[in-house]
PDB file of all heavy atoms in Angstrom:
ATOM      1  N   GLY A   1      73.714  48.409  11.562  1.00  0.00           N
ATOM      2  CA  GLY A   1      74.289  47.118  11.229  1.00  0.00           C
ATOM      3  C   GLY A   1      75.220  47.210  10.043  1.00  0.00           C
ATOM      4  O   GLY A   1      75.409  48.281   9.446  1.00  0.00           O
ATOM      5  N   PRO A   2      75.825  46.087   9.657  1.00  0.00           N
ATOM      6  CA  PRO A   2      76.808  46.076   8.562  1.00  0.00           C
ATOM      7  C   PRO A   2      76.278  46.617   7.238  1.00  0.00           C
ATOM      8  O   PRO A   2      77.018  47.282   6.509  1.00  0.00           O
ATOM      9  CB  PRO A   2      77.180  44.595   8.453  1.00  0.00           C
ATOM     10  CG  PRO A   2      76.928  44.034   9.815  1.00  0.00           C
ATOM     11  CD  PRO A   2      75.736  44.774  10.325  1.00  0.00           C
ATOM     12  N   ALA A   3      75.019  46.338   6.917  1.00  0.00           N
ATOM     13  CA  ALA A   3      74.474  46.808   5.634  1.00  0.00           C
ATOM     14  C   ALA A   3      74.437  48.335   5.594  1.00  0.00           C
ATOM     15  O   ALA A   3      74.770  48.946   4.575  1.00  0.00           O
ATOM     16  CB  ALA A   3      73.079  46.234   5.401  1.00  0.00           C
ATOM     17  N   LEU A   4      74.047  48.953   6.704  1.00  0.00           N
ATOM     18  CA  LEU A   4      73.999  50.413   6.772  1.00  0.00           C
ATOM     19  C   LEU A   4      75.402  51.000   6.698  1.00  0.00           C
ATOM     20  O   LEU A   4      75.633  52.016   6.032  1.00  0.00           O
ATOM     21  CB  LEU A   4      73.295  50.859   8.054  1.00  0.00           C
ATOM     22  CG  LEU A   4      72.998  52.357   8.191  1.00  0.00           C
ATOM     23  CD1 LEU A   4      71.989  52.807   7.142  1.00  0.00           C
ATOM     24  CD2 LEU A   4      72.480  52.672   9.592  1.00  0.00           C
ATOM     25  N   ASP A   5      76.349  50.340   7.361  1.00  0.00           N
ATOM     26  CA  ASP A   5      77.733  50.803   7.327  1.00  0.00           C
ATOM     27  C   ASP A   5      78.287  50.744   5.903  1.00  0.00           C
ATOM     28  O   ASP A   5      79.048  51.625   5.483  1.00  0.00           O
ATOM     29  CB  ASP A   5      78.608  49.951   8.255  1.00  0.00           C
ATOM     30  CG  ASP A   5      78.267  50.153   9.719  1.00  0.00           C
ATOM     31  OD1 ASP A   5      77.798  51.246  10.073  1.00  0.00           O
ATOM     32  OD2 ASP A   5      78.454  49.206  10.506  1.00  0.00           O
ATOM     33  N   TYR A   6      77.910  49.696   5.164  1.00  0.00           N
ATOM     34  CA  TYR A   6      78.350  49.595   3.773  1.00  0.00           C
ATOM     35  C   TYR A   6      77.830  50.776   2.955  1.00  0.00           C
ATOM     36  O   TYR A   6      78.571  51.360   2.148  1.00  0.00           O
ATOM     37  CB  TYR A   6      77.870  48.279   3.140  1.00  0.00           C
ATOM     38  CG  TYR A   6      77.921  48.328   1.631  1.00  0.00           C
ATOM     39  CD1 TYR A   6      79.134  48.184   0.957  1.00  0.00           C
ATOM     40  CD2 TYR A   6      76.778  48.596   0.882  1.00  0.00           C
ATOM     41  CE1 TYR A   6      79.200  48.280  -0.420  1.00  0.00           C
ATOM     42  CE2 TYR A   6      76.832  48.696  -0.506  1.00  0.00           C
ATOM     43  CZ  TYR A   6      78.037  48.533  -1.148  1.00  0.00           C
ATOM     44  OH  TYR A   6      78.102  48.657  -2.507  1.00  0.00           O
ATOM     45  N   GLU A   7      76.550  51.116   3.139  1.00  0.00           N
ATOM     46  CA  GLU A   7      75.961  52.239   2.395  1.00  0.00           C
ATOM     47  C   GLU A   7      76.754  53.519   2.650  1.00  0.00           C
ATOM     48  O   GLU A   7      77.028  54.301   1.730  1.00  0.00           O
ATOM     49  CB  GLU A   7      74.499  52.438   2.793  1.00  0.00           C
ATOM     50  CG  GLU A   7      73.593  51.246   2.572  1.00  0.00           C
ATOM     51  CD  GLU A   7      73.186  51.044   1.126  1.00  0.00           C
ATOM     52  OE1 GLU A   7      73.616  51.833   0.256  1.00  0.00           O
ATOM     53  OE2 GLU A   7      72.449  50.084   0.861  1.00  0.00           O
ATOM     54  N   GLU A   8      77.132  53.725   3.904  1.00  0.00           N
ATOM     55  CA  GLU A   8      77.882  54.934   4.250  1.00  0.00           C
ATOM     56  C   GLU A   8      79.257  54.933   3.581  1.00  0.00           C
ATOM     57  O   GLU A   8      79.709  55.961   3.055  1.00  0.00           O
ATOM     58  CB  GLU A   8      78.021  55.035   5.766  1.00  0.00           C
ATOM     59  CG  GLU A   8      78.534  56.370   6.246  1.00  0.00           C
ATOM     60  CD  GLU A   8      78.319  56.595   7.720  1.00  0.00           C
ATOM     61  OE1 GLU A   8      78.151  55.619   8.472  1.00  0.00           O
ATOM     62  OE2 GLU A   8      78.294  57.771   8.138  1.00  0.00           O
ATOM     63  N   ALA A   9      79.897  53.780   3.565  1.00  0.00           N
ATOM     64  CA  ALA A   9      81.212  53.689   2.921  1.00  0.00           C
ATOM     65  C   ALA A   9      81.099  53.926   1.420  1.00  0.00           C
ATOM     66  O   ALA A   9      81.979  54.545   0.808  1.00  0.00           O
ATOM     67  CB  ALA A   9      81.826  52.314   3.193  1.00  0.00           C
ATOM     68  N   SER A  10      80.006  53.457   0.820  1.00  0.00           N
ATOM     69  CA  SER A  10      79.852  53.590  -0.631  1.00  0.00           C
ATOM     70  C   SER A  10      79.722  55.053  -1.058  1.00  0.00           C
ATOM     71  O   SER A  10      80.052  55.400  -2.196  1.00  0.00           O
ATOM     72  CB  SER A  10      78.630  52.792  -1.109  1.00  0.00           C
ATOM     73  OG  SER A  10      77.421  53.382  -0.674  1.00  0.00           O
ATOM     74  N   LEU A  11      79.270  55.908  -0.150  1.00  0.00           N
ATOM     75  CA  LEU A  11      79.170  57.333  -0.470  1.00  0.00           C
ATOM     76  C   LEU A  11      80.544  57.959  -0.689  1.00  0.00           C
ATOM     77  O   LEU A  11      80.679  58.911  -1.454  1.00  0.00           O
ATOM     78  CB  LEU A  11      78.413  58.077   0.632  1.00  0.00           C
ATOM     79  CG  LEU A  11      76.895  57.995   0.555  1.00  0.00           C
ATOM     80  CD1 LEU A  11      76.262  58.483   1.851  1.00  0.00           C
ATOM     81  CD2 LEU A  11      76.363  58.797  -0.630  1.00  0.00           C
ATOM     82  N   LEU A  12      81.547  57.419  -0.013  1.00  0.00           N
ATOM     83  CA  LEU A  12      82.914  57.914  -0.228  1.00  0.00           C
ATOM     84  C   LEU A  12      83.345  57.619  -1.660  1.00  0.00           C
ATOM     85  O   LEU A  12      83.948  58.461  -2.331  1.00  0.00           O
ATOM     86  CB  LEU A  12      83.872  57.268   0.768  1.00  0.00           C
ATOM     87  CG  LEU A  12      83.682  57.672   2.235  1.00  0.00           C
ATOM     88  CD1 LEU A  12      84.503  56.766   3.147  1.00  0.00           C
ATOM     89  CD2 LEU A  12      84.090  59.126   2.434  1.00  0.00           C
ATOM     90  N   PHE A  13      83.014  56.420  -2.144  1.00  0.00           N
ATOM     91  CA  PHE A  13      83.332  56.061  -3.528  1.00  0.00           C
ATOM     92  C   PHE A  13      82.594  56.963  -4.507  1.00  0.00           C
ATOM     93  O   PHE A  13      83.162  57.466  -5.480  1.00  0.00           O
ATOM     94  CB  PHE A  13      82.973  54.594  -3.775  1.00  0.00           C
ATOM     95  CG  PHE A  13      83.087  54.175  -5.214  1.00  0.00           C
ATOM     96  CD1 PHE A  13      84.327  53.907  -5.769  1.00  0.00           C
ATOM     97  CD2 PHE A  13      81.968  54.071  -6.018  1.00  0.00           C
ATOM     98  CE1 PHE A  13      84.445  53.527  -7.108  1.00  0.00           C
ATOM     99  CE2 PHE A  13      82.064  53.694  -7.342  1.00  0.00           C
ATOM    100  CZ  PHE A  13      83.314  53.419  -7.894  1.00  0.00           C
ATOM    101  N   ALA A  14      81.302  57.184  -4.235  1.00  0.00           N
ATOM    102  CA  ALA A  14      80.492  58.014  -5.137  1.00  0.00           C
ATOM    103  C   ALA A  14      81.020  59.438  -5.219  1.00  0.00           C
ATOM    104  O   ALA A  14      80.893  60.100  -6.251  1.00  0.00           O
ATOM    105  CB  ALA A  14      79.037  58.023  -4.673  1.00  0.00           C
ATOM    106  N   SER A  15      81.614  59.911  -4.128  1.00  0.00           N
ATOM    107  CA  SER A  15      82.137  61.275  -4.108  1.00  0.00           C
ATOM    108  C   SER A  15      83.537  61.368  -4.720  1.00  0.00           C
ATOM    109  O   SER A  15      84.115  62.455  -4.775  1.00  0.00           O
ATOM    110  CB  SER A  15      82.162  61.806  -2.672  1.00  0.00           C
ATOM    111  OG  SER A  15      83.088  61.091  -1.884  1.00  0.00           O
ATOM    112  N   GLY A  16      84.087  60.222  -5.150  1.00  0.00           N
ATOM    113  CA  GLY A  16      85.415  60.228  -5.780  1.00  0.00           C
ATOM    114  C   GLY A  16      86.560  60.019  -4.821  1.00  0.00           C
ATOM    115  O   GLY A  16      87.730  60.058  -5.226  1.00  0.00           O
ATOM    116  N   ASP A  17      86.240  59.776  -3.542  1.00  0.00           N
ATOM    117  CA  ASP A  17      87.292  59.558  -2.549  1.00  0.00           C
ATOM    118  C   ASP A  17      87.606  58.060  -2.489  1.00  0.00           C
ATOM    119  O   ASP A  17      87.185  57.348  -1.575  1.00  0.00           O
ATOM    120  CB  ASP A  17      86.823  60.068  -1.180  1.00  0.00           C
ATOM    121  CG  ASP A  17      87.916  59.976  -0.111  1.00  0.00           C
ATOM    122  OD1 ASP A  17      89.033  59.529  -0.435  1.00  0.00           O
ATOM    123  OD2 ASP A  17      87.630  60.318   1.059  1.00  0.00           O
ATOM    124  N   ASN A  18      88.345  57.585  -3.482  1.00  0.00           N
ATOM    125  CA  ASN A  18      88.607  56.148  -3.581  1.00  0.00           C
ATOM    126  C   ASN A  18      89.496  55.637  -2.445  1.00  0.00           C
ATOM    127  O   ASN A  18      89.253  54.555  -1.904  1.00  0.00           O
ATOM    128  CB  ASN A  18      89.252  55.839  -4.935  1.00  0.00           C
ATOM    129  CG  ASN A  18      88.328  56.201  -6.086  1.00  0.00           C
ATOM    130  OD1 ASN A  18      87.230  55.674  -6.204  1.00  0.00           O
ATOM    131  ND2 ASN A  18      88.770  57.128  -6.942  1.00  0.00           N
ATOM    132  N   LYS A  19      90.504  56.410  -2.081  1.00  0.00           N
ATOM    133  CA  LYS A  19      91.364  56.000  -0.959  1.00  0.00           C
ATOM    134  C   LYS A  19      90.559  55.985   0.345  1.00  0.00           C
ATOM    135  O   LYS A  19      90.743  55.090   1.182  1.00  0.00           O
ATOM    136  CB  LYS A  19      92.569  56.930  -0.853  1.00  0.00           C
ATOM    137  CG  LYS A  19      93.569  56.776  -1.995  1.00  0.00           C
ATOM    138  CD  LYS A  19      94.773  57.691  -1.823  1.00  0.00           C
ATOM    139  CE  LYS A  19      95.777  57.493  -2.953  1.00  0.00           C
ATOM    140  NZ  LYS A  19      96.953  58.396  -2.825  1.00  0.00           N
ATOM    141  N   GLY A  20      89.688  56.982   0.503  1.00  0.00           N
ATOM    142  CA  GLY A  20      88.858  57.026   1.701  1.00  0.00           C
ATOM    143  C   GLY A  20      87.895  55.851   1.763  1.00  0.00           C
ATOM    144  O   GLY A  20      87.649  55.288   2.839  1.00  0.00           O
ATOM    145  N   ALA A  21      87.355  55.450   0.605  1.00  0.00           N
ATOM    146  CA  ALA A  21      86.438  54.309   0.546  1.00  0.00           C
ATOM    147  C   ALA A  21      87.159  53.028   0.946  1.00  0.00           C
ATOM    148  O   ALA A  21      86.618  52.194   1.688  1.00  0.00           O
ATOM    149  CB  ALA A  21      85.851  54.182  -0.857  1.00  0.00           C
ATOM    150  N   ILE A  22      88.394  52.871   0.465  1.00  0.00           N
ATOM    151  CA  ILE A  22      89.184  51.685   0.813  1.00  0.00           C
ATOM    152  C   ILE A  22      89.491  51.668   2.303  1.00  0.00           C
ATOM    153  O   ILE A  22      89.350  50.628   2.976  1.00  0.00           O
ATOM    154  CB  ILE A  22      90.484  51.645  -0.012  1.00  0.00           C
ATOM    155  CG1 ILE A  22      90.160  51.398  -1.490  1.00  0.00           C
ATOM    156  CG2 ILE A  22      91.440  50.568   0.521  1.00  0.00           C
ATOM    157  CD1 ILE A  22      91.320  51.664  -2.432  1.00  0.00           C
ATOM    158  N   ALA A  23      89.890  52.810   2.840  1.00  0.00           N
ATOM    159  CA  ALA A  23      90.217  52.893   4.270  1.00  0.00           C
ATOM    160  C   ALA A  23      88.999  52.583   5.135  1.00  0.00           C
ATOM    161  O   ALA A  23      89.096  51.854   6.134  1.00  0.00           O
ATOM    162  CB  ALA A  23      90.764  54.277   4.595  1.00  0.00           C
ATOM    163  N   LYS A  24      87.835  53.123   4.746  1.00  0.00           N
ATOM    164  CA  LYS A  24      86.609  52.876   5.501  1.00  0.00           C
ATOM    165  C   LYS A  24      86.222  51.403   5.418  1.00  0.00           C
ATOM    166  O   LYS A  24      85.830  50.796   6.427  1.00  0.00           O
ATOM    167  CB  LYS A  24      85.477  53.750   4.947  1.00  0.00           C
ATOM    168  CG  LYS A  24      84.145  53.595   5.672  1.00  0.00           C
ATOM    169  CD  LYS A  24      84.207  54.130   7.083  1.00  0.00           C
ATOM    170  CE  LYS A  24      82.830  54.116   7.737  1.00  0.00           C
ATOM    171  NZ  LYS A  24      82.860  54.596   9.137  1.00  0.00           N
ATOM    172  N   ALA A  25      86.352  50.820   4.227  1.00  0.00           N
ATOM    173  CA  ALA A  25      86.029  49.402   4.063  1.00  0.00           C
ATOM    174  C   ALA A  25      86.952  48.540   4.918  1.00  0.00           C
ATOM    175  O   ALA A  25      86.498  47.601   5.592  1.00  0.00           O
ATOM    176  CB  ALA A  25      86.130  49.015   2.594  1.00  0.00           C
ATOM    177  N   ASP A  26      88.240  48.849   4.913  1.00  0.00           N
ATOM    178  CA  ASP A  26      89.195  48.082   5.725  1.00  0.00           C
ATOM    179  C   ASP A  26      88.868  48.194   7.209  1.00  0.00           C
ATOM    180  O   ASP A  26      88.966  47.211   7.957  1.00  0.00           O
ATOM    181  CB  ASP A  26      90.623  48.569   5.456  1.00  0.00           C
ATOM    182  CG  ASP A  26      91.193  48.040   4.147  1.00  0.00           C
ATOM    183  OD1 ASP A  26      90.691  47.007   3.667  1.00  0.00           O
ATOM    184  OD2 ASP A  26      92.112  48.671   3.600  1.00  0.00           O
ATOM    185  N   GLN A  27      88.492  49.398   7.637  1.00  0.00           N
ATOM    186  CA  GLN A  27      88.136  49.613   9.044  1.00  0.00           C
ATOM    187  C   GLN A  27      86.931  48.748   9.428  1.00  0.00           C
ATOM    188  O   GLN A  27      86.934  48.092  10.486  1.00  0.00           O
ATOM    189  CB  GLN A  27      87.806  51.090   9.267  1.00  0.00           C
ATOM    190  CG  GLN A  27      87.283  51.410  10.661  1.00  0.00           C
ATOM    191  CD  GLN A  27      86.557  52.759  10.700  1.00  0.00           C
ATOM    192  OE1 GLN A  27      86.835  53.643   9.904  1.00  0.00           O
ATOM    193  NE2 GLN A  27      85.607  52.892  11.612  1.00  0.00           N
ATOM    194  N   LEU A  28      85.919  48.713   8.572  1.00  0.00           N
ATOM    195  CA  LEU A  28      84.712  47.937   8.865  1.00  0.00           C
ATOM    196  C   LEU A  28      84.995  46.434   8.820  1.00  0.00           C
ATOM    197  O   LEU A  28      84.493  45.673   9.653  1.00  0.00           O
ATOM    198  CB  LEU A  28      83.603  48.297   7.879  1.00  0.00           C
ATOM    199  CG  LEU A  28      83.051  49.721   8.006  1.00  0.00           C
ATOM    200  CD1 LEU A  28      82.137  50.055   6.826  1.00  0.00           C
ATOM    201  CD2 LEU A  28      82.282  49.887   9.327  1.00  0.00           C
ATOM    202  N   LEU A  29      85.796  46.012   7.867  1.00  0.00           N
ATOM    203  CA  LEU A  29      86.145  44.593   7.767  1.00  0.00           C
ATOM    204  C   LEU A  29      86.931  44.139   8.991  1.00  0.00           C
ATOM    205  O   LEU A  29      86.734  43.024   9.499  1.00  0.00           O
ATOM    206  CB  LEU A  29      86.945  44.337   6.489  1.00  0.00           C
ATOM    207  CG  LEU A  29      86.149  44.417   5.184  1.00  0.00           C
ATOM    208  CD1 LEU A  29      87.086  44.503   3.983  1.00  0.00           C
ATOM    209  CD2 LEU A  29      85.217  43.217   5.051  1.00  0.00           C
ATOM    210  N   ALA A  30      87.816  45.012   9.479  1.00  0.00           N
ATOM    211  CA  ALA A  30      88.620  44.667  10.662  1.00  0.00           C
ATOM    212  C   ALA A  30      87.761  44.615  11.921  1.00  0.00           C
ATOM    213  O   ALA A  30      87.929  43.726  12.759  1.00  0.00           O
ATOM    214  CB  ALA A  30      89.758  45.683  10.830  1.00  0.00           C
ATOM    215  N   SER A  31      86.818  45.556  12.062  1.00  0.00           N
ATOM    216  CA  SER A  31      86.026  45.642  13.291  1.00  0.00           C
ATOM    217  C   SER A  31      84.853  44.655  13.311  1.00  0.00           C
ATOM    218  O   SER A  31      84.429  44.200  14.373  1.00  0.00           O
ATOM    219  CB  SER A  31      85.505  47.069  13.496  1.00  0.00           C
ATOM    220  OG  SER A  31      84.623  47.437  12.449  1.00  0.00           O
ATOM    221  N   GLN A  32      84.352  44.307  12.119  1.00  0.00           N
ATOM    222  CA  GLN A  32      83.149  43.465  12.066  1.00  0.00           C
ATOM    223  C   GLN A  32      83.435  42.014  11.703  1.00  0.00           C
ATOM    224  O   GLN A  32      82.571  41.151  11.859  1.00  0.00           O
ATOM    225  CB  GLN A  32      82.143  44.062  11.077  1.00  0.00           C
ATOM    226  CG  GLN A  32      81.623  45.421  11.522  1.00  0.00           C
ATOM    227  CD  GLN A  32      80.727  46.086  10.483  1.00  0.00           C
ATOM    228  OE1 GLN A  32      80.613  45.619   9.350  1.00  0.00           O
ATOM    229  NE2 GLN A  32      80.088  47.178  10.865  1.00  0.00           N
ATOM    230  N   GLY A  33      84.619  41.734  11.201  1.00  0.00           N
ATOM    231  CA  GLY A  33      85.002  40.356  10.906  1.00  0.00           C
ATOM    232  C   GLY A  33      84.025  39.671   9.961  1.00  0.00           C
ATOM    233  O   GLY A  33      83.646  40.232   8.928  1.00  0.00           O
ATOM    234  N   GLU A  34      83.613  38.465  10.309  1.00  0.00           N
ATOM    235  CA  GLU A  34      82.730  37.671   9.453  1.00  0.00           C
ATOM    236  C   GLU A  34      81.331  38.288   9.331  1.00  0.00           C
ATOM    237  O   GLU A  34      80.570  37.900   8.449  1.00  0.00           O
ATOM    238  CB  GLU A  34      82.620  36.239   9.984  1.00  0.00           C
ATOM    239  CG  GLU A  34      83.888  35.420   9.796  1.00  0.00           C
ATOM    240  CD  GLU A  34      84.301  35.311   8.330  1.00  0.00           C
ATOM    241  OE1 GLU A  34      83.445  34.985   7.496  1.00  0.00           O
ATOM    242  OE2 GLU A  34      85.486  35.558   8.032  1.00  0.00           O
ATOM    243  N   ASN A  35      80.991  39.210  10.219  1.00  0.00           N
ATOM    244  CA  ASN A  35      79.679  39.859  10.149  1.00  0.00           C
ATOM    245  C   ASN A  35      79.644  41.032   9.168  1.00  0.00           C
ATOM    246  O   ASN A  35      78.580  41.578   8.891  1.00  0.00           O
ATOM    247  CB  ASN A  35      79.266  40.365  11.544  1.00  0.00           C
ATOM    248  CG  ASN A  35      79.012  39.223  12.510  1.00  0.00           C
ATOM    249  OD1 ASN A  35      78.471  38.188  12.131  1.00  0.00           O
ATOM    250  ND2 ASN A  35      79.416  39.403  13.759  1.00  0.00           N
ATOM    251  N   ALA A  36      80.807  41.420   8.654  1.00  0.00           N
ATOM    252  CA  ALA A  36      80.878  42.564   7.742  1.00  0.00           C
ATOM    253  C   ALA A  36      80.145  42.242   6.439  1.00  0.00           C
ATOM    254  O   ALA A  36      80.047  41.086   6.015  1.00  0.00           O
ATOM    255  CB  ALA A  36      82.333  42.918   7.455  1.00  0.00           C
ATOM    256  N   ASP A  37      79.644  43.276   5.813  1.00  0.00           N
ATOM    257  CA  ASP A  37      78.942  43.120   4.544  1.00  0.00           C
ATOM    258  C   ASP A  37      79.949  42.780   3.448  1.00  0.00           C
ATOM    259  O   ASP A  37      80.923  43.500   3.233  1.00  0.00           O
ATOM    260  CB  ASP A  37      78.214  44.426   4.199  1.00  0.00           C
ATOM    261  CG  ASP A  37      77.207  44.268   3.077  1.00  0.00           C
ATOM    262  OD1 ASP A  37      77.572  43.707   2.029  1.00  0.00           O
ATOM    263  OD2 ASP A  37      76.049  44.713   3.243  1.00  0.00           O
ATOM    264  N   ALA A  38      79.710  41.672   2.740  1.00  0.00           N
ATOM    265  CA  ALA A  38      80.638  41.222   1.701  1.00  0.00           C
ATOM    266  C   ALA A  38      80.824  42.256   0.599  1.00  0.00           C
ATOM    267  O   ALA A  38      81.861  42.283  -0.081  1.00  0.00           O
ATOM    268  CB  ALA A  38      80.152  39.907   1.102  1.00  0.00           C
ATOM    269  N   ARG A  39      79.843  43.129   0.414  1.00  0.00           N
ATOM    270  CA  ARG A  39      79.941  44.135  -0.646  1.00  0.00           C
ATOM    271  C   ARG A  39      81.093  45.105  -0.422  1.00  0.00           C
ATOM    272  O   ARG A  39      81.498  45.829  -1.334  1.00  0.00           O
ATOM    273  CB  ARG A  39      78.615  44.893  -0.772  1.00  0.00           C
ATOM    274  CG  ARG A  39      77.473  44.042  -1.310  1.00  0.00           C
ATOM    275  CD  ARG A  39      76.171  44.802  -1.310  1.00  0.00           C
ATOM    276  NE  ARG A  39      75.747  45.152   0.051  1.00  0.00           N
ATOM    277  CZ  ARG A  39      74.723  45.949   0.329  1.00  0.00           C
ATOM    278  NH1 ARG A  39      74.033  46.510  -0.650  1.00  0.00           N
ATOM    279  NH2 ARG A  39      74.403  46.189   1.582  1.00  0.00           N
ATOM    280  N   LEU A  40      81.627  45.137   0.810  1.00  0.00           N
ATOM    281  CA  LEU A  40      82.792  45.984   1.067  1.00  0.00           C
ATOM    282  C   LEU A  40      83.969  45.577   0.184  1.00  0.00           C
ATOM    283  O   LEU A  40      84.751  46.424  -0.245  1.00  0.00           O
ATOM    284  CB  LEU A  40      83.178  45.925   2.544  1.00  0.00           C
ATOM    285  CG  LEU A  40      82.198  46.605   3.513  1.00  0.00           C
ATOM    286  CD1 LEU A  40      82.517  46.209   4.952  1.00  0.00           C
ATOM    287  CD2 LEU A  40      82.239  48.121   3.356  1.00  0.00           C
ATOM    288  N   TYR A  41      84.109  44.280  -0.092  1.00  0.00           N
ATOM    289  CA  TYR A  41      85.192  43.827  -0.975  1.00  0.00           C
ATOM    290  C   TYR A  41      84.946  44.304  -2.409  1.00  0.00           C
ATOM    291  O   TYR A  41      85.884  44.670  -3.114  1.00  0.00           O
ATOM    292  CB  TYR A  41      85.297  42.304  -0.940  1.00  0.00           C
ATOM    293  CG  TYR A  41      85.821  41.766   0.367  1.00  0.00           C
ATOM    294  CD1 TYR A  41      84.963  41.174   1.289  1.00  0.00           C
ATOM    295  CD2 TYR A  41      87.175  41.849   0.680  1.00  0.00           C
ATOM    296  CE1 TYR A  41      85.433  40.679   2.491  1.00  0.00           C
ATOM    297  CE2 TYR A  41      87.658  41.361   1.890  1.00  0.00           C
ATOM    298  CZ  TYR A  41      86.784  40.779   2.796  1.00  0.00           C
ATOM    299  OH  TYR A  41      87.257  40.293   3.991  1.00  0.00           O
ATOM    300  N   ARG A  42      83.689  44.309  -2.833  1.00  0.00           N
ATOM    301  CA  ARG A  42      83.377  44.818  -4.168  1.00  0.00           C
ATOM    302  C   ARG A  42      83.655  46.322  -4.238  1.00  0.00           C
ATOM    303  O   ARG A  42      84.177  46.825  -5.241  1.00  0.00           O
ATOM    304  CB  ARG A  42      81.908  44.538  -4.497  1.00  0.00           C
ATOM    305  CG  ARG A  42      81.517  44.877  -5.927  1.00  0.00           C
ATOM    306  CD  ARG A  42      80.068  44.501  -6.201  1.00  0.00           C
ATOM    307  NE  ARG A  42      79.157  45.290  -5.379  1.00  0.00           N
ATOM    308  CZ  ARG A  42      77.847  45.026  -5.282  1.00  0.00           C
ATOM    309  NH1 ARG A  42      77.319  43.991  -5.914  1.00  0.00           N
ATOM    310  NH2 ARG A  42      77.070  45.796  -4.544  1.00  0.00           N
ATOM    311  N   LEU A  43      83.315  47.026  -3.158  1.00  0.00           N
ATOM    312  CA  LEU A  43      83.588  48.464  -3.089  1.00  0.00           C
ATOM    313  C   LEU A  43      85.089  48.729  -3.192  1.00  0.00           C
ATOM    314  O   LEU A  43      85.525  49.633  -3.911  1.00  0.00           O
ATOM    315  CB  LEU A  43      83.029  49.030  -1.779  1.00  0.00           C
ATOM    316  CG  LEU A  43      83.215  50.523  -1.541  1.00  0.00           C
ATOM    317  CD1 LEU A  43      82.430  51.342  -2.555  1.00  0.00           C
ATOM    318  CD2 LEU A  43      82.771  50.900  -0.122  1.00  0.00           C
ATOM    319  N   LYS A  44      85.883  47.910  -2.494  1.00  0.00           N
ATOM    320  CA  LYS A  44      87.337  48.045  -2.590  1.00  0.00           C
ATOM    321  C   LYS A  44      87.814  47.752  -4.005  1.00  0.00           C
ATOM    322  O   LYS A  44      88.701  48.433  -4.520  1.00  0.00           O
ATOM    323  CB  LYS A  44      88.021  47.105  -1.595  1.00  0.00           C
ATOM    324  CG  LYS A  44      87.902  47.524  -0.141  1.00  0.00           C
ATOM    325  CD  LYS A  44      88.594  46.533   0.785  1.00  0.00           C
ATOM    326  CE  LYS A  44      90.089  46.510   0.552  1.00  0.00           C
ATOM    327  NZ  LYS A  44      90.781  45.548   1.446  1.00  0.00           N
TER     328      LYS A  44
END
């Protein structure tokens, strides 16, 4: 679900891949719409 997907995206940020984290967050926001985890915006 969206919460698990957010956790996976956050690992990109933790590893220093900031552009990758943004790209992953955008991909999830586009595919999941209103169901996406709001924390993706904080991650971005």
